[in-house]
Amino acid sequence: YNEQSTTTTESKICVPSLSNYFTNDWIIERSKCNDYSRLVREQFTTMIKDKEIKLIDSVINNINQENSSLTSMSIQYPEPKQMSSLIVEFILTLRERNLLPCLVFSDSRQLCESNALSLTRYFEKEEQRLRKIKYKLQIEQIERRLDEINKNKKRITKLATAAAGKSRKGSDSSEQIINDGGDDESKNELSSIERALFYDILPECTLTNLQTSDTELANRLRERASQDNPQLVRFMKRGIAYHHAGINNKGRVAVEALFRNRYIQVVFSTSTLALGIHMPTKTVAFAMDSIYLDALAYRQASGRSGRRGFDVQG
């Protein structure tokens, strides 16, 4: 059904276009689709009663033309996309709409880990791109300053070596030179902002909530879990994690504690987080269907959404 025909008709019932009718809805509910279908039917009924034959023929011709073009282009709906790209788009949409933190449930351990890996790789590539484009000048300036600091350190080392083999009188003068060099070195130290830009993860390329979370707790838990779960710790630095029965106790404790602390914002999990663990969140999603996702399992998992005292609805 051509959208233009809904707005150009001179019938009494004016039906808005699809884009205008659903423009404010991120999730399209079935009831609203039924309401729109009812409006279209009423408009066609009015056109038939008023015997607007030319307008009806134009609508039919437009429908036939669109069907022929779709057949020739062989467009599939829904559009086939890999899970890796879908999950990245989904999480970025949640962040844009302030719907994090989120639990994404799946029955496959491999799918949980691959989704976490896809999202982490996206942020790592995005960080490389931003460092080459957005922060290129600042990083080049920091690199020049680091070269100067390294040159000063080498100069001070040479002065100290030369002073060690001289007499007491000579060493006094050398110590004065060394002290002067040390003062110059302290002036050339990087600021905290420069160190964060050069060494740390860019704030645009992580989901971690550093404003309200306990960073000291996060560092301790990450260090504790790093020996047995290096890949998981790599994900946690970006505010991403996975959770299933295959993770050892240190890894599970770190993921659960940091998610409750709001340091981790997205967890891809099997049903291990659906029962018996206090893990309230703002959004719950399900990645792919499963024969094990019955009504009880759905209610248990989706019941995690909506944090008391924080969210009006989940």
Protein backbone atom coordinates (compact mmCIF):
# COMPACT_ATOMS: atom_id res chain seq x y z
CA TYR A 1 0.00 0.00 0.00
CA ASN A 2 1.57 3.23 -1.13
CA GLU A 3 2.13 5.75 1.66
CA GLN A 4 1.52 8.67 -0.68
CA SER A 5 -2.00 7.52 -1.42
CA THR A 6 -2.89 7.80 2.26
CA THR A 7 -2.09 11.50 2.30
CA THR A 8 -3.31 12.59 -1.17
CA THR A 9 -6.80 11.15 -0.90
CA GLU A 10 -9.70 13.55 -0.66
CA SER A 11 -11.76 11.16 1.44
CA LYS A 12 -13.14 12.17 4.78
CA ILE A 13 -10.79 9.82 6.63
CA CYS A 14 -7.17 10.95 6.49
CA VAL A 15 -4.69 8.18 7.26
CA PRO A 16 -1.13 9.27 8.15
CA SER A 17 1.82 7.66 6.43
CA LEU A 18 3.60 4.71 8.07
CA SER A 19 6.64 6.80 8.95
CA ASN A 20 4.52 9.50 10.59
CA TYR A 21 2.26 7.07 12.43
CA PHE A 22 5.08 5.07 14.00
CA THR A 23 7.72 7.81 14.23
CA ASN A 24 7.78 7.98 18.05
CA ASP A 25 7.69 4.22 18.65
CA TRP A 26 10.94 2.34 19.13
CA ILE A 27 9.01 -0.88 19.79
CA ILE A 28 5.96 -1.30 17.57
CA GLU A 29 3.15 -3.02 19.45
CA ARG A 30 0.65 -5.31 17.74
CA SER A 31 -2.32 -3.29 19.00
CA LYS A 32 -1.01 -0.16 17.29
CA CYS A 33 -0.49 -2.08 14.04
CA ASN A 34 -4.09 -3.28 14.27
CA ASP A 35 -5.28 0.30 14.81
CA TYR A 36 -3.41 1.45 11.71
CA SER A 37 -4.84 -1.44 9.69
CA ARG A 38 -8.33 -0.46 10.83
CA LEU A 39 -7.79 3.14 9.65
CA VAL A 40 -6.65 1.92 6.23
CA ARG A 41 -9.67 -0.39 5.90
CA GLU A 42 -12.04 2.43 6.83
CA GLN A 43 -10.45 4.65 4.21
CA PHE A 44 -10.83 2.00 1.51
CA THR A 45 -14.45 1.45 2.57
CA THR A 46 -15.14 5.17 2.22
CA MET A 47 -13.47 5.25 -1.20
CA ILE A 48 -15.65 2.35 -2.38
CA LYS A 49 -18.86 3.94 -1.05
CA ASP A 50 -18.00 7.25 -2.73
CA LYS A 51 -17.17 5.35 -5.95
CA GLU A 52 -13.76 6.98 -6.32
CA ILE A 53 -12.78 4.61 -9.12
CA LYS A 54 -9.79 6.59 -10.40
CA LEU A 55 -8.24 6.83 -6.95
CA ILE A 56 -8.79 3.10 -6.33
CA ASP A 57 -7.20 2.23 -9.68
CA SER A 58 -4.16 4.40 -8.89
CA VAL A 59 -3.70 2.62 -5.56
CA ILE A 60 -3.89 -0.79 -7.27
CA ASN A 61 -1.37 0.27 -9.93
CA ASN A 62 1.05 1.54 -7.29
CA ILE A 63 0.78 -1.74 -5.38
CA ASN A 64 1.44 -3.75 -8.55
CA GLN A 65 4.46 -1.61 -9.44
CA GLU A 66 5.94 -2.00 -5.96
CA ASN A 67 5.40 -5.77 -6.02
CA SER A 68 7.16 -6.08 -9.38
CA SER A 69 10.11 -3.97 -8.20
CA LEU A 70 10.46 -6.00 -5.01
CA THR A 71 10.39 -9.22 -7.00
CA SER A 72 13.10 -8.02 -9.36
CA MET A 73 15.32 -6.86 -6.47
CA SER A 74 14.73 -10.12 -4.55
CA ILE A 75 14.70 -8.33 -1.18
CA GLN A 76 14.35 -10.59 1.83
CA TYR A 77 12.49 -9.55 4.94
CA PRO A 78 13.57 -9.49 7.61
CA GLU A 79 16.90 -8.38 6.19
CA PRO A 80 19.51 -11.10 6.83
CA LYS A 81 22.26 -9.88 9.16
CA GLN A 82 24.89 -11.61 11.20
CA MET A 83 24.36 -11.77 14.94
CA SER A 84 27.63 -9.90 15.52
CA SER A 85 26.41 -6.78 13.70
CA LEU A 86 22.89 -7.03 15.12
CA ILE A 87 24.07 -7.18 18.73
CA VAL A 88 26.36 -4.17 18.25
CA GLU A 89 23.56 -2.08 16.75
CA PHE A 90 21.20 -3.19 19.53
CA ILE A 91 23.54 -2.26 22.39
CA LEU A 92 24.44 1.08 20.82
CA THR A 93 20.72 1.85 20.52
CA LEU A 94 20.21 1.01 24.19
CA ARG A 95 23.06 3.33 25.18
CA GLU A 96 21.67 6.13 23.02
CA ARG A 97 18.23 5.77 24.62
CA ASN A 98 19.60 5.46 28.17
CA LEU A 99 18.29 1.89 28.56
CA LEU A 100 21.42 0.35 30.07
CA PRO A 101 22.30 -1.78 32.06
CA CYS A 102 21.11 -4.80 30.10
CA LEU A 103 21.07 -8.59 30.49
CA VAL A 104 21.05 -10.55 27.23
CA PHE A 105 19.96 -14.18 27.73
CA SER A 106 20.83 -17.10 25.49
CA ASP A 107 21.02 -20.87 25.92
CA SER A 108 24.38 -21.13 24.15
CA ARG A 109 27.62 -20.51 26.02
CA GLN A 110 29.42 -20.01 22.73
CA LEU A 111 26.88 -17.39 21.63
CA CYS A 112 27.30 -15.49 24.91
CA GLU A 113 31.08 -15.33 24.48
CA SER A 114 30.93 -14.51 20.76
CA ASN A 115 28.46 -11.64 21.35
CA ALA A 116 30.72 -10.20 24.05
CA LEU A 117 33.71 -10.57 21.73
CA SER A 118 31.91 -8.85 18.81
CA LEU A 119 30.91 -5.89 20.96
CA THR A 120 34.41 -5.56 22.44
CA ARG A 121 36.07 -5.73 19.02
CA TYR A 122 33.76 -2.99 17.76
CA PHE A 123 34.85 -0.64 20.56
CA GLU A 124 38.52 -1.54 20.07
CA LYS A 125 38.34 -0.73 16.35
CA GLU A 126 36.42 2.45 17.08
CA GLU A 127 39.10 3.49 19.57
CA GLN A 128 41.85 2.98 16.99
CA ARG A 129 39.88 5.07 14.51
CA LEU A 130 39.33 7.92 16.98
CA ARG A 131 43.01 7.98 17.97
CA LYS A 132 43.98 8.34 14.31
CA ILE A 133 41.41 11.01 13.49
CA LYS A 134 39.80 12.84 16.43
CA TYR A 135 42.75 12.78 18.86
CA LYS A 136 45.58 12.66 16.34
CA LEU A 137 47.07 16.07 17.16
CA GLN A 138 46.87 15.59 20.94
CA ILE A 139 48.50 12.16 20.77
CA GLU A 140 51.31 13.42 18.52
CA GLN A 141 51.98 16.21 21.01
CA ILE A 142 52.08 13.74 23.90
CA GLU A 143 54.50 11.52 21.97
CA ARG A 144 56.86 14.48 21.46
CA ARG A 145 56.76 15.27 25.16
CA LEU A 146 57.53 11.64 26.03
CA ASP A 147 60.57 11.78 23.73
CA GLU A 148 61.81 14.87 25.57
CA ILE A 149 61.30 13.18 28.95
CA ASN A 150 63.25 10.12 27.81
CA LYS A 151 66.10 12.32 26.56
CA ASN A 152 66.24 14.11 29.92
CA LYS A 153 66.38 10.79 31.76
CA LYS A 154 69.28 9.62 29.61
CA ARG A 155 71.11 12.91 30.18
CA ILE A 156 70.67 12.65 33.95
CA THR A 157 71.94 9.06 33.90
CA LYS A 158 75.10 10.14 32.06
CA LEU A 159 75.70 13.00 34.53
CA ALA A 160 75.29 10.67 37.48
CA THR A 161 77.77 8.19 36.00
CA ALA A 162 80.32 10.93 35.36
CA ALA A 163 79.90 12.37 38.86
CA ALA A 164 80.58 9.02 40.50
CA GLY A 165 84.20 8.97 39.23
CA LYS A 166 85.19 12.53 40.14
CA SER A 167 86.58 14.09 43.29
CA ARG A 168 84.44 15.53 46.08
CA LYS A 169 84.73 19.03 44.71
CA GLY A 170 83.86 17.89 41.26
CA SER A 171 80.95 15.81 42.50
CA ASP A 172 79.41 18.81 44.23
CA SER A 173 79.19 20.66 40.97
CA SER A 174 77.91 17.54 39.24
CA GLU A 175 75.21 17.08 41.87
CA GLN A 176 74.07 20.61 41.15
CA ILE A 177 73.74 19.73 37.47
CA ILE A 178 71.88 16.54 38.29
CA ASN A 179 69.46 18.41 40.56
CA ASP A 180 68.83 20.94 37.80
CA GLY A 181 68.14 18.12 35.39
CA GLY A 182 65.77 16.48 37.85
CA ASP A 183 63.81 19.71 38.22
CA ASP A 184 63.50 19.97 34.44
CA GLU A 185 62.27 16.38 34.29
CA SER A 186 59.52 17.00 36.83
CA LYS A 187 58.29 19.93 34.78
CA ASN A 188 57.96 17.70 31.72
CA GLU A 189 55.82 15.01 33.38
CA LEU A 190 52.49 14.27 31.67
CA SER A 191 49.33 15.57 33.27
CA SER A 192 46.59 13.22 34.43
CA ILE A 193 44.44 14.17 31.42
CA GLU A 194 47.28 13.46 29.01
CA ARG A 195 48.06 10.11 30.65
CA ALA A 196 44.38 9.12 30.47
CA LEU A 197 44.22 10.05 26.78
CA PHE A 198 47.44 8.22 25.90
CA TYR A 199 47.24 5.10 28.05
CA ASP A 200 43.61 4.57 29.13
CA ILE A 201 40.50 3.52 27.22
CA LEU A 202 38.69 6.41 25.54
CA PRO A 203 35.34 7.22 27.22
CA GLU A 204 33.55 6.97 23.85
CA CYS A 205 34.74 3.36 23.45
CA THR A 206 33.55 1.80 26.68
CA LEU A 207 30.24 1.14 28.43
CA THR A 208 31.68 1.29 31.96
CA ASN A 209 29.92 3.61 34.38
CA LEU A 210 32.87 5.31 36.10
CA GLN A 211 30.80 8.06 37.71
CA THR A 212 28.79 5.96 40.18
CA SER A 213 30.81 2.72 40.34
CA ASP A 214 33.63 1.85 42.74
CA THR A 215 36.78 1.81 40.58
CA GLU A 216 38.96 0.42 43.37
CA LEU A 217 36.63 -2.55 43.76
CA ALA A 218 36.63 -3.03 40.00
CA ASN A 219 40.44 -3.06 39.88
CA ARG A 220 40.67 -5.63 42.69
CA LEU A 221 38.09 -7.96 41.17
CA ARG A 222 39.59 -7.71 37.69
CA GLU A 223 43.06 -8.45 39.01
CA ARG A 224 41.75 -11.42 40.99
CA ALA A 225 40.04 -12.91 37.93
CA SER A 226 42.75 -12.04 35.39
CA GLN A 227 44.87 -15.16 35.88
CA ASP A 228 42.17 -17.67 34.97
CA ASN A 229 39.94 -15.43 32.81
CA PRO A 230 42.13 -13.06 30.75
CA GLN A 231 39.58 -12.69 27.94
CA LEU A 232 36.77 -11.96 30.39
CA VAL A 233 38.87 -9.25 32.07
CA ARG A 234 39.55 -7.75 28.63
CA PHE A 235 35.78 -7.49 28.11
CA MET A 236 35.13 -6.10 31.59
CA LYS A 237 37.42 -3.14 30.93
CA ARG A 238 34.89 -2.11 28.28
CA GLY A 239 31.88 -2.61 30.58
CA ILE A 240 31.01 -5.92 28.89
CA ALA A 241 30.95 -9.47 30.29
CA TYR A 242 29.52 -12.96 29.83
CA HIS A 243 28.24 -15.36 32.47
CA HIS A 244 27.64 -19.11 32.30
CA ALA A 245 28.38 -22.28 34.24
CA GLY A 246 31.74 -22.73 32.50
CA ILE A 247 33.31 -19.75 34.29
CA ASN A 248 35.17 -20.42 37.53
CA ASN A 249 34.12 -18.88 40.83
CA LYS A 250 36.46 -15.86 40.63
CA GLY A 251 35.10 -14.90 37.23
CA ARG A 252 31.45 -15.29 38.25
CA VAL A 253 31.94 -13.29 41.44
CA ALA A 254 33.64 -10.49 39.51
CA VAL A 255 30.88 -10.29 36.88
CA GLU A 256 28.04 -10.37 39.42
CA ALA A 257 29.63 -7.84 41.80
CA LEU A 258 30.64 -5.39 39.08
CA PHE A 259 27.23 -5.59 37.40
CA ARG A 260 25.49 -4.80 40.70
CA ASN A 261 28.04 -2.01 41.20
CA ARG A 262 27.05 -0.61 37.75
CA TYR A 263 30.63 -0.86 36.47
CA ILE A 264 29.60 -3.51 33.91
CA GLN A 265 26.64 -2.42 31.80
CA VAL A 266 26.03 -5.42 29.52
CA VAL A 267 26.15 -9.12 30.44
CA PHE A 268 25.54 -11.94 27.97
CA SER A 269 24.34 -14.85 30.06
CA THR A 270 22.73 -18.25 29.97
CA SER A 271 19.95 -19.11 32.43
CA THR A 272 22.52 -19.01 35.29
CA LEU A 273 21.48 -15.41 36.03
CA ALA A 274 17.75 -16.02 35.66
CA LEU A 275 17.28 -17.78 39.00
CA GLY A 276 18.56 -17.35 42.53
CA ILE A 277 20.93 -14.39 41.98
CA HIS A 278 20.17 -10.76 42.79
CA MET A 279 20.87 -9.09 39.45
CA PRO A 280 18.30 -6.34 38.80
CA THR A 281 18.67 -4.47 35.53
CA LYS A 282 16.90 -1.91 33.39
CA THR A 283 16.60 -3.97 30.19
CA VAL A 284 16.36 -7.69 29.47
CA ALA A 285 16.79 -9.10 25.97
CA PHE A 286 16.77 -12.59 24.45
CA ALA A 287 19.27 -13.52 21.73
CA MET A 288 17.71 -16.11 19.40
CA ASP A 289 14.83 -18.44 20.21
CA SER A 290 15.19 -21.74 22.01
CA ILE A 291 13.07 -24.79 22.81
CA TYR A 292 13.98 -24.24 26.46
CA LEU A 293 12.50 -20.73 26.50
CA ASP A 294 9.04 -21.61 27.79
CA ALA A 295 6.62 -19.30 29.60
CA LEU A 296 8.15 -19.94 33.05
CA ALA A 297 11.72 -19.36 31.86
CA TYR A 298 10.66 -16.19 30.06
CA ARG A 299 8.91 -14.79 33.16
CA GLN A 300 11.88 -15.60 35.38
CA ALA A 301 14.41 -13.97 33.05
CA SER A 302 12.33 -10.95 32.03
CA GLY A 303 11.46 -10.36 35.69
CA ARG A 304 15.01 -9.05 36.15
CA SER A 305 14.09 -5.88 34.27
CA GLY A 306 12.99 -2.88 36.30
CA ARG A 307 15.12 -1.83 39.29
CA ARG A 308 13.20 -0.83 42.38
CA GLY A 309 13.92 2.80 43.21
CA PHE A 310 15.57 3.46 39.83
CA ASP A 311 13.21 2.55 36.97
CA VAL A 312 9.52 3.29 36.48
CA GLN A 313 9.30 0.26 34.20
CA GLY A 314 11.68 -2.33 32.77
